[in-house]
């Protein structure tokens, strides 16, 4: 069995057939077992055992588990230029990388 990598996606691009995805956005709400991520294209609930502060910019590497996203790794990306990040992603997508 080959290893699968995390596919960069936006919330609006998430599909039930996805297995591993990578999202970047702001934490807008938290509970004891999940948080809501807003990336500008939509909002999605992600299960986690980690407590995250609201308004934190994160990149979440997630696995799909019974039609729910489970955070495998959460990376603090505060301080990055989000607009530049999105432009670079668009260039990669346009080039097919």
PDB file of N, CA and C in Angstrom:
ATOM      1  N   UNK A   1       0.845  -1.176   0.000  1.00  0.00           N
ATOM      2  CA  UNK A   1       0.000   0.000   0.000  1.00  0.00           C
ATOM      3  C   UNK A   1       0.894   1.244   0.000  1.00  0.00           C
ATOM      4  N   UNK A   2       0.592   2.187  -0.876  1.00  0.00           N
ATOM      5  CA  UNK A   2       1.408   3.392  -0.972  1.00  0.00           C
ATOM      6  C   UNK A   2       0.954   4.433   0.048  1.00  0.00           C
ATOM      7  N   UNK A   3       1.896   5.248   0.465  1.00  0.00           N
ATOM      8  CA  UNK A   3       1.587   6.321   1.410  1.00  0.00           C
ATOM      9  C   UNK A   3       0.798   7.410   0.694  1.00  0.00           C
ATOM     10  N   UNK A   4      -0.165   7.963   1.375  1.00  0.00           N
ATOM     11  CA  UNK A   4      -0.941   9.054   0.802  1.00  0.00           C
ATOM     12  C   UNK A   4      -0.510  10.350   1.453  1.00  0.00           C
ATOM     13  N   UNK A   5      -0.450  11.405   0.661  1.00  0.00           N
ATOM     14  CA  UNK A   5      -0.073  12.702   1.192  1.00  0.00           C
ATOM     15  C   UNK A   5      -1.320  13.552   1.427  1.00  0.00           C
ATOM     16  N   UNK A   6      -1.153  14.618   2.173  1.00  0.00           N
ATOM     17  CA  UNK A   6      -2.249  15.544   2.458  1.00  0.00           C
ATOM     18  C   UNK A   6      -2.412  16.477   1.262  1.00  0.00           C
ATOM     19  N   UNK A   7      -3.608  16.515   0.705  1.00  0.00           N
ATOM     20  CA  UNK A   7      -3.894  17.335  -0.470  1.00  0.00           C
ATOM     21  C   UNK A   7      -4.356  18.717  -0.009  1.00  0.00           C
ATOM     22  N   UNK A   8      -3.663  19.783  -0.429  1.00  0.00           N
ATOM     23  CA  UNK A   8      -4.116  21.130  -0.069  1.00  0.00           C
ATOM     24  C   UNK A   8      -5.485  21.408  -0.690  1.00  0.00           C
ATOM     25  N   UNK A   9      -6.419  21.850   0.122  1.00  0.00           N
ATOM     26  CA  UNK A   9      -7.779  22.136  -0.328  1.00  0.00           C
ATOM     27  C   UNK A   9      -8.289  23.378   0.385  1.00  0.00           C
ATOM     28  N   UNK A  10      -9.376  23.926  -0.151  1.00  0.00           N
ATOM     29  CA  UNK A  10     -10.149  24.927   0.570  1.00  0.00           C
ATOM     30  C   UNK A  10     -11.371  24.211   1.127  1.00  0.00           C
ATOM     31  N   UNK A  11     -12.038  24.833   2.071  1.00  0.00           N
ATOM     32  CA  UNK A  11     -13.229  24.220   2.652  1.00  0.00           C
ATOM     33  C   UNK A  11     -14.263  23.930   1.561  1.00  0.00           C
ATOM     34  N   UNK A  12     -14.419  24.854   0.616  1.00  0.00           N
ATOM     35  CA  UNK A  12     -15.424  24.663  -0.434  1.00  0.00           C
ATOM     36  C   UNK A  12     -15.075  23.510  -1.374  1.00  0.00           C
ATOM     37  N   UNK A  13     -13.820  23.068  -1.393  1.00  0.00           N
ATOM     38  CA  UNK A  13     -13.401  21.979  -2.271  1.00  0.00           C
ATOM     39  C   UNK A  13     -13.485  20.601  -1.621  1.00  0.00           C
ATOM     40  N   UNK A  14     -13.751  20.538  -0.332  1.00  0.00           N
ATOM     41  CA  UNK A  14     -13.761  19.258   0.379  1.00  0.00           C
ATOM     42  C   UNK A  14     -14.870  18.378  -0.179  1.00  0.00           C
ATOM     43  N   UNK A  15     -14.521  17.121  -0.382  1.00  0.00           N
ATOM     44  CA  UNK A  15     -15.435  16.140  -0.960  1.00  0.00           C
ATOM     45  C   UNK A  15     -15.468  14.921  -0.041  1.00  0.00           C
ATOM     46  N   UNK A  16     -16.572  14.222  -0.026  1.00  0.00           N
ATOM     47  CA  UNK A  16     -16.685  13.044   0.838  1.00  0.00           C
ATOM     48  C   UNK A  16     -15.704  11.944   0.438  1.00  0.00           C
ATOM     49  N   UNK A  17     -15.142  12.012  -0.777  1.00  0.00           N
ATOM     50  CA  UNK A  17     -14.181  11.012  -1.244  1.00  0.00           C
ATOM     51  C   UNK A  17     -12.759  11.333  -0.785  1.00  0.00           C
ATOM     52  N   UNK A  18     -12.545  12.523  -0.220  1.00  0.00           N
ATOM     53  CA  UNK A  18     -11.211  12.893   0.252  1.00  0.00           C
ATOM     54  C   UNK A  18     -10.795  11.982   1.396  1.00  0.00           C
ATOM     55  N   UNK A  19      -9.499  11.689   1.439  1.00  0.00           N
ATOM     56  CA  UNK A  19      -8.970  10.859   2.513  1.00  0.00           C
ATOM     57  C   UNK A  19      -8.104  11.686   3.459  1.00  0.00           C
ATOM     58  N   UNK A  20      -7.160  12.448   2.895  1.00  0.00           N
ATOM     59  CA  UNK A  20      -6.299  13.324   3.688  1.00  0.00           C
ATOM     60  C   UNK A  20      -6.254  14.684   3.018  1.00  0.00           C
ATOM     61  N   UNK A  21      -6.508  15.738   3.804  1.00  0.00           N
ATOM     62  CA  UNK A  21      -6.511  17.096   3.278  1.00  0.00           C
ATOM     63  C   UNK A  21      -5.726  18.015   4.198  1.00  0.00           C
ATOM     64  N   UNK A  22      -5.302  19.130   3.633  1.00  0.00           N
ATOM     65  CA  UNK A  22      -4.598  20.160   4.369  1.00  0.00           C
ATOM     66  C   UNK A  22      -5.355  21.468   4.157  1.00  0.00           C
ATOM     67  N   UNK A  23      -5.770  22.105   5.240  1.00  0.00           N
ATOM     68  CA  UNK A  23      -6.537  23.353   5.186  1.00  0.00           C
ATOM     69  C   UNK A  23      -5.800  24.434   5.956  1.00  0.00           C
ATOM     70  N   UNK A  24      -5.973  25.678   5.530  1.00  0.00           N
ATOM     71  CA  UNK A  24      -5.407  26.797   6.267  1.00  0.00           C
ATOM     72  C   UNK A  24      -6.517  27.816   6.476  1.00  0.00           C
ATOM     73  N   UNK A  25      -6.634  28.317   7.704  1.00  0.00           N
ATOM     74  CA  UNK A  25      -7.671  29.294   7.996  1.00  0.00           C
ATOM     75  C   UNK A  25      -7.643  29.715   9.455  1.00  0.00           C
ATOM     76  N   UNK A  26      -8.646  30.492   9.830  1.00  0.00           N
ATOM     77  CA  UNK A  26      -8.755  31.014  11.194  1.00  0.00           C
ATOM     78  C   UNK A  26      -9.678  30.152  12.034  1.00  0.00           C
ATOM     79  N   UNK A  27      -9.277  29.934  13.273  1.00  0.00           N
ATOM     80  CA  UNK A  27     -10.124  29.247  14.241  1.00  0.00           C
ATOM     81  C   UNK A  27     -11.156  30.263  14.714  1.00  0.00           C
ATOM     82  N   UNK A  28     -12.432  29.978  14.462  1.00  0.00           N
ATOM     83  CA  UNK A  28     -13.461  30.945  14.858  1.00  0.00           C
ATOM     84  C   UNK A  28     -14.278  30.500  16.061  1.00  0.00           C
ATOM     85  N   UNK A  29     -14.194  29.227  16.416  1.00  0.00           N
ATOM     86  CA  UNK A  29     -14.897  28.713  17.594  1.00  0.00           C
ATOM     87  C   UNK A  29     -14.237  27.409  18.018  1.00  0.00           C
ATOM     88  N   UNK A  30     -14.342  27.096  19.304  1.00  0.00           N
ATOM     89  CA  UNK A  30     -13.777  25.849  19.810  1.00  0.00           C
ATOM     90  C   UNK A  30     -14.728  25.201  20.792  1.00  0.00           C
ATOM     91  N   UNK A  31     -14.612  23.884  20.900  1.00  0.00           N
ATOM     92  CA  UNK A  31     -15.290  23.125  21.947  1.00  0.00           C
ATOM     93  C   UNK A  31     -14.214  22.261  22.590  1.00  0.00           C
ATOM     94  N   UNK A  32     -14.602  21.376  23.461  1.00  0.00           N
ATOM     95  CA  UNK A  32     -13.626  20.495  24.091  1.00  0.00           C
ATOM     96  C   UNK A  32     -13.037  19.472  23.139  1.00  0.00           C
ATOM     97  N   UNK A  33     -13.735  19.187  22.039  1.00  0.00           N
ATOM     98  CA  UNK A  33     -13.266  18.120  21.157  1.00  0.00           C
ATOM     99  C   UNK A  33     -13.180  18.519  19.683  1.00  0.00           C
ATOM    100  N   UNK A  34     -13.383  19.802  19.375  1.00  0.00           N
ATOM    101  CA  UNK A  34     -13.318  20.232  17.980  1.00  0.00           C
ATOM    102  C   UNK A  34     -13.150  21.745  17.891  1.00  0.00           C
ATOM    103  N   UNK A  35     -12.895  22.212  16.655  1.00  0.00           N
ATOM    104  CA  UNK A  35     -12.876  23.636  16.391  1.00  0.00           C
ATOM    105  C   UNK A  35     -13.480  23.893  15.020  1.00  0.00           C
ATOM    106  N   UNK A  36     -13.920  25.118  14.797  1.00  0.00           N
ATOM    107  CA  UNK A  36     -14.460  25.526  13.509  1.00  0.00           C
ATOM    108  C   UNK A  36     -13.385  26.344  12.804  1.00  0.00           C
ATOM    109  N   UNK A  37     -13.059  25.938  11.584  1.00  0.00           N
ATOM    110  CA  UNK A  37     -12.061  26.624  10.772  1.00  0.00           C
ATOM    111  C   UNK A  37     -12.779  27.377   9.654  1.00  0.00           C
ATOM    112  N   UNK A  38     -12.424  28.637   9.469  1.00  0.00           N
ATOM    113  CA  UNK A  38     -12.959  29.466   8.389  1.00  0.00           C
ATOM    114  C   UNK A  38     -11.802  29.859   7.497  1.00  0.00           C
ATOM    115  N   UNK A  39     -11.891  29.499   6.206  1.00  0.00           N
ATOM    116  CA  UNK A  39     -10.809  29.829   5.276  1.00  0.00           C
ATOM    117  C   UNK A  39     -11.220  30.859   4.226  1.00  0.00           C
ATOM    118  N   UNK A  40     -12.375  31.468   4.400  1.00  0.00           N
ATOM    119  CA  UNK A  40     -12.843  32.456   3.443  1.00  0.00           C
ATOM    120  C   UNK A  40     -13.734  31.864   2.370  1.00  0.00           C
ATOM    121  N   UNK A  41     -13.665  30.534   2.172  1.00  0.00           N
ATOM    122  CA  UNK A  41     -14.549  29.876   1.208  1.00  0.00           C
ATOM    123  C   UNK A  41     -15.657  29.116   1.909  1.00  0.00           C
ATOM    124  N   UNK A  42     -15.530  28.986   3.230  1.00  0.00           N
ATOM    125  CA  UNK A  42     -16.518  28.263   4.016  1.00  0.00           C
ATOM    126  C   UNK A  42     -15.980  27.959   5.393  1.00  0.00           C
ATOM    127  N   UNK A  43     -16.803  27.276   6.152  1.00  0.00           N
ATOM    128  CA  UNK A  43     -16.447  26.885   7.519  1.00  0.00           C
ATOM    129  C   UNK A  43     -16.639  25.388   7.668  1.00  0.00           C
ATOM    130  N   UNK A  44     -15.770  24.781   8.486  1.00  0.00           N
ATOM    131  CA  UNK A  44     -15.881  23.339   8.699  1.00  0.00           C
ATOM    132  C   UNK A  44     -15.443  23.001  10.119  1.00  0.00           C
ATOM    133  N   UNK A  45     -16.087  22.000  10.685  1.00  0.00           N
ATOM    134  CA  UNK A  45     -15.720  21.527  12.017  1.00  0.00           C
ATOM    135  C   UNK A  45     -14.656  20.445  11.884  1.00  0.00           C
ATOM    136  N   UNK A  46     -13.627  20.557  12.713  1.00  0.00           N
ATOM    137  CA  UNK A  46     -12.515  19.606  12.704  1.00  0.00           C
ATOM    138  C   UNK A  46     -12.344  19.068  14.120  1.00  0.00           C
ATOM    139  N   UNK A  47     -12.375  17.753  14.257  1.00  0.00           N
ATOM    140  CA  UNK A  47     -12.192  17.120  15.563  1.00  0.00           C
ATOM    141  C   UNK A  47     -10.726  17.169  15.967  1.00  0.00           C
ATOM    142  N   UNK A  48     -10.491  17.391  17.253  1.00  0.00           N
ATOM    143  CA  UNK A  48      -9.127  17.425  17.787  1.00  0.00           C
ATOM    144  C   UNK A  48      -9.168  17.230  19.294  1.00  0.00           C
ATOM    145  N   UNK A  49      -8.039  16.826  19.850  1.00  0.00           N
ATOM    146  CA  UNK A  49      -7.932  16.744  21.306  1.00  0.00           C
ATOM    147  C   UNK A  49      -7.144  17.929  21.845  1.00  0.00           C
ATOM    148  N   UNK A  50      -6.844  18.863  20.960  1.00  0.00           N
ATOM    149  CA  UNK A  50      -6.058  20.042  21.316  1.00  0.00           C
ATOM    150  C   UNK A  50      -6.955  21.260  21.507  1.00  0.00           C
ATOM    151  N   UNK A  51      -6.702  22.050  22.512  1.00  0.00           N
ATOM    152  CA  UNK A  51      -7.456  23.274  22.746  1.00  0.00           C
ATOM    153  C   UNK A  51      -6.776  24.413  21.997  1.00  0.00           C
ATOM    154  N   UNK A  52      -7.509  25.053  21.093  1.00  0.00           N
ATOM    155  CA  UNK A  52      -6.958  26.139  20.282  1.00  0.00           C
ATOM    156  C   UNK A  52      -7.637  27.448  20.639  1.00  0.00           C
ATOM    157  N   UNK A  53      -6.888  28.541  20.656  1.00  0.00           N
ATOM    158  CA  UNK A  53      -7.512  29.837  20.910  1.00  0.00           C
ATOM    159  C   UNK A  53      -8.260  30.333  19.677  1.00  0.00           C
ATOM    160  N   UNK A  54      -9.319  31.091  19.913  1.00  0.00           N
ATOM    161  CA  UNK A  54     -10.056  31.705  18.810  1.00  0.00           C
ATOM    162  C   UNK A  54      -9.166  32.724  18.106  1.00  0.00           C
ATOM    163  N   UNK A  55      -9.472  32.950  16.823  1.00  0.00           N
ATOM    164  CA  UNK A  55      -8.766  33.919  15.978  1.00  0.00           C
ATOM    165  C   UNK A  55      -7.309  33.545  15.736  1.00  0.00           C
ATOM    166  N   UNK A  56      -6.981  32.274  15.841  1.00  0.00           N
ATOM    167  CA  UNK A  56      -5.634  31.774  15.574  1.00  0.00           C
ATOM    168  C   UNK A  56      -5.577  31.280  14.138  1.00  0.00           C
ATOM    169  N   UNK A  57      -4.552  31.671  13.396  1.00  0.00           N
ATOM    170  CA  UNK A  57      -4.360  31.210  12.028  1.00  0.00           C
ATOM    171  C   UNK A  57      -3.575  29.902  12.084  1.00  0.00           C
ATOM    172  N   UNK A  58      -4.165  28.829  11.536  1.00  0.00           N
ATOM    173  CA  UNK A  58      -3.538  27.509  11.594  1.00  0.00           C
ATOM    174  C   UNK A  58      -3.618  26.806  10.243  1.00  0.00           C
ATOM    175  N   UNK A  59      -2.725  25.846  10.085  1.00  0.00           N
ATOM    176  CA  UNK A  59      -2.822  24.899   8.981  1.00  0.00           C
ATOM    177  C   UNK A  59      -3.120  23.560   9.635  1.00  0.00           C
ATOM    178  N   UNK A  60      -4.206  22.928   9.179  1.00  0.00           N
ATOM    179  CA  UNK A  60      -4.631  21.661   9.761  1.00  0.00           C
ATOM    180  C   UNK A  60      -4.469  20.545   8.733  1.00  0.00           C
ATOM    181  N   UNK A  61      -3.690  19.549   9.104  1.00  0.00           N
ATOM    182  CA  UNK A  61      -3.518  18.349   8.287  1.00  0.00           C
ATOM    183  C   UNK A  61      -4.501  17.327   8.848  1.00  0.00           C
ATOM    184  N   UNK A  62      -5.486  16.951   8.039  1.00  0.00           N
ATOM    185  CA  UNK A  62      -6.619  16.171   8.538  1.00  0.00           C
ATOM    186  C   UNK A  62      -6.845  14.891   7.755  1.00  0.00           C
ATOM    187  N   UNK A  63      -7.396  13.898   8.441  1.00  0.00           N
ATOM    188  CA  UNK A  63      -7.856  12.664   7.819  1.00  0.00           C
ATOM    189  C   UNK A  63      -9.378  12.633   7.907  1.00  0.00           C
ATOM    190  N   UNK A  64     -10.012  12.095   6.871  1.00  0.00           N
ATOM    191  CA  UNK A  64     -11.463  11.943   6.883  1.00  0.00           C
ATOM    192  C   UNK A  64     -11.789  10.694   7.685  1.00  0.00           C
ATOM    193  N   UNK A  65     -12.703  10.829   8.631  1.00  0.00           N
ATOM    194  CA  UNK A  65     -13.101   9.717   9.481  1.00  0.00           C
ATOM    195  C   UNK A  65     -14.617   9.717   9.588  1.00  0.00           C
ATOM    196  N   UNK A  66     -15.272   8.828   8.844  1.00  0.00           N
ATOM    197  CA  UNK A  66     -16.734   8.738   8.835  1.00  0.00           C
ATOM    198  C   UNK A  66     -17.371  10.091   8.530  1.00  0.00           C
ATOM    199  N   UNK A  67     -16.971  10.701   7.422  1.00  0.00           N
ATOM    200  CA  UNK A  67     -17.495  11.984   6.943  1.00  0.00           C
ATOM    201  C   UNK A  67     -17.214  13.157   7.883  1.00  0.00           C
ATOM    202  N   UNK A  68     -16.236  12.996   8.769  1.00  0.00           N
ATOM    203  CA  UNK A  68     -15.789  14.089   9.637  1.00  0.00           C
ATOM    204  C   UNK A  68     -14.284  14.216   9.509  1.00  0.00           C
ATOM    205  N   UNK A  69     -13.807  15.446   9.625  1.00  0.00           N
ATOM    206  CA  UNK A  69     -12.367  15.658   9.585  1.00  0.00           C
ATOM    207  C   UNK A  69     -11.780  15.522  10.981  1.00  0.00           C
ATOM    208  N   UNK A  70     -10.682  14.787  11.071  1.00  0.00           N
ATOM    209  CA  UNK A  70      -9.940  14.610  12.309  1.00  0.00           C
ATOM    210  C   UNK A  70      -8.556  15.216  12.102  1.00  0.00           C
ATOM    211  N   UNK A  71      -8.182  16.177  12.948  1.00  0.00           N
ATOM    212  CA  UNK A  71      -6.865  16.814  12.831  1.00  0.00           C
ATOM    213  C   UNK A  71      -5.783  15.826  13.255  1.00  0.00           C
ATOM    214  N   UNK A  72      -4.841  15.598  12.342  1.00  0.00           N
ATOM    215  CA  UNK A  72      -3.677  14.765  12.658  1.00  0.00           C
ATOM    216  C   UNK A  72      -2.541  15.642  13.163  1.00  0.00           C
ATOM    217  N   UNK A  73      -2.365  16.802  12.517  1.00  0.00           N
ATOM    218  CA  UNK A  73      -1.339  17.770  12.889  1.00  0.00           C
ATOM    219  C   UNK A  73      -1.935  19.163  12.733  1.00  0.00           C
ATOM    220  N   UNK A  74      -1.671  20.029  13.697  1.00  0.00           N
ATOM    221  CA  UNK A  74      -2.108  21.423  13.606  1.00  0.00           C
ATOM    222  C   UNK A  74      -0.862  22.290  13.712  1.00  0.00           C
ATOM    223  N   UNK A  75      -0.662  23.116  12.693  1.00  0.00           N
ATOM    224  CA  UNK A  75       0.525  23.968  12.623  1.00  0.00           C
ATOM    225  C   UNK A  75       0.121  25.425  12.824  1.00  0.00           C
ATOM    226  N   UNK A  76       0.768  26.101  13.734  1.00  0.00           N
ATOM    227  CA  UNK A  76       0.560  27.534  13.947  1.00  0.00           C
ATOM    228  C   UNK A  76       1.230  28.273  12.796  1.00  0.00           C
ATOM    229  N   UNK A  77       0.465  29.034  12.025  1.00  0.00           N
ATOM    230  CA  UNK A  77       1.033  29.782  10.897  1.00  0.00           C
ATOM    231  C   UNK A  77       0.796  31.283  11.061  1.00  0.00           C
ATOM    232  N   UNK A  78       0.657  31.726  12.314  1.00  0.00           N
ATOM    233  CA  UNK A  78       0.540  33.159  12.584  1.00  0.00           C
ATOM    234  C   UNK A  78       1.751  33.862  11.998  1.00  0.00           C
ATOM    235  N   UNK A  79       1.523  34.997  11.413  1.00  0.00           N
ATOM    236  CA  UNK A  79       2.631  35.781  10.895  1.00  0.00           C
ATOM    237  C   UNK A  79       2.900  35.584   9.416  1.00  0.00           C
ATOM    238  N   UNK A  80       2.293  34.554   8.791  1.00  0.00           N
ATOM    239  CA  UNK A  80       2.517  34.422   7.349  1.00  0.00           C
ATOM    240  C   UNK A  80       1.623  35.409   6.615  1.00  0.00           C
ATOM    241  N   UNK A  81       2.017  35.756   5.419  1.00  0.00           N
ATOM    242  CA  UNK A  81       1.203  36.618   4.564  1.00  0.00           C
ATOM    243  C   UNK A  81       0.199  35.719   3.858  1.00  0.00           C
ATOM    244  N   UNK A  82      -1.030  35.689   4.346  1.00  0.00           N
ATOM    245  CA  UNK A  82      -2.049  34.778   3.829  1.00  0.00           C
ATOM    246  C   UNK A  82      -2.384  35.062   2.373  1.00  0.00           C
ATOM    247  N   UNK A  83      -2.392  36.332   1.974  1.00  0.00           N
ATOM    248  CA  UNK A  83      -2.666  36.656   0.571  1.00  0.00           C
ATOM    249  C   UNK A  83      -1.567  36.123  -0.342  1.00  0.00           C
ATOM    250  N   UNK A  84      -0.318  36.262   0.070  1.00  0.00           N
ATOM    251  CA  UNK A  84       0.792  35.732  -0.709  1.00  0.00           C
ATOM    252  C   UNK A  84       0.721  34.212  -0.768  1.00  0.00           C
ATOM    253  N   UNK A  85       0.391  33.589   0.339  1.00  0.00           N
ATOM    254  CA  UNK A  85       0.244  32.133   0.388  1.00  0.00           C
ATOM    255  C   UNK A  85      -0.804  31.666  -0.619  1.00  0.00           C
ATOM    256  N   UNK A  86      -1.949  32.353  -0.664  1.00  0.00           N
ATOM    257  CA  UNK A  86      -3.019  31.989  -1.597  1.00  0.00           C
ATOM    258  C   UNK A  86      -2.580  32.182  -3.045  1.00  0.00           C
ATOM    259  N   UNK A  87      -1.836  33.256  -3.328  1.00  0.00           N
ATOM    260  CA  UNK A  87      -1.357  33.485  -4.692  1.00  0.00           C
ATOM    261  C   UNK A  87      -0.390  32.389  -5.137  1.00  0.00           C
ATOM    262  N   UNK A  88       0.501  31.980  -4.246  1.00  0.00           N
ATOM    263  CA  UNK A  88       1.447  30.918  -4.568  1.00  0.00           C
ATOM    264  C   UNK A  88       0.678  29.614  -4.821  1.00  0.00           C
ATOM    265  N   UNK A  89      -0.321  29.322  -4.005  1.00  0.00           N
ATOM    266  CA  UNK A  89      -1.136  28.118  -4.200  1.00  0.00           C
ATOM    267  C   UNK A  89      -1.834  28.141  -5.549  1.00  0.00           C
ATOM    268  N   UNK A  90      -2.370  29.307  -5.926  1.00  0.00           N
ATOM    269  CA  UNK A  90      -3.025  29.448  -7.237  1.00  0.00           C
ATOM    270  C   UNK A  90      -2.042  29.163  -8.361  1.00  0.00           C
ATOM    271  N   UNK A  91      -0.811  29.669  -8.245  1.00  0.00           N
ATOM    272  CA  UNK A  91       0.198  29.401  -9.255  1.00  0.00           C
ATOM    273  C   UNK A  91       0.531  27.913  -9.354  1.00  0.00           C
ATOM    274  N   UNK A  92       0.676  27.259  -8.214  1.00  0.00           N
ATOM    275  CA  UNK A  92       0.915  25.807  -8.205  1.00  0.00           C
ATOM    276  C   UNK A  92      -0.235  25.075  -8.883  1.00  0.00           C
ATOM    277  N   UNK A  93      -1.471  25.446  -8.552  1.00  0.00           N
ATOM    278  CA  UNK A  93      -2.637  24.781  -9.154  1.00  0.00           C
ATOM    279  C   UNK A  93      -2.693  25.024 -10.654  1.00  0.00           C
ATOM    280  N   UNK A  94      -2.399  26.235 -11.087  1.00  0.00           N
ATOM    281  CA  UNK A  94      -2.402  26.558 -12.512  1.00  0.00           C
ATOM    282  C   UNK A  94      -1.342  25.752 -13.254  1.00  0.00           C
ATOM    283  N   UNK A  95      -0.192  25.569 -12.621  1.00  0.00           N
ATOM    284  CA  UNK A  95       0.908  24.826 -13.241  1.00  0.00           C
ATOM    285  C   UNK A  95       0.705  23.307 -13.131  1.00  0.00           C
ATOM    286  N   UNK A  96      -0.272  22.887 -12.345  1.00  0.00           N
ATOM    287  CA  UNK A  96      -0.515  21.464 -12.183  1.00  0.00           C
ATOM    288  C   UNK A  96       0.446  20.766 -11.242  1.00  0.00           C
ATOM    289  N   UNK A  97       1.025  21.529 -10.338  1.00  0.00           N
ATOM    290  CA  UNK A  97       1.996  20.971  -9.387  1.00  0.00           C
ATOM    291  C   UNK A  97       1.279  20.511  -8.148  1.00  0.00           C
TER     292      UNK A  97
END
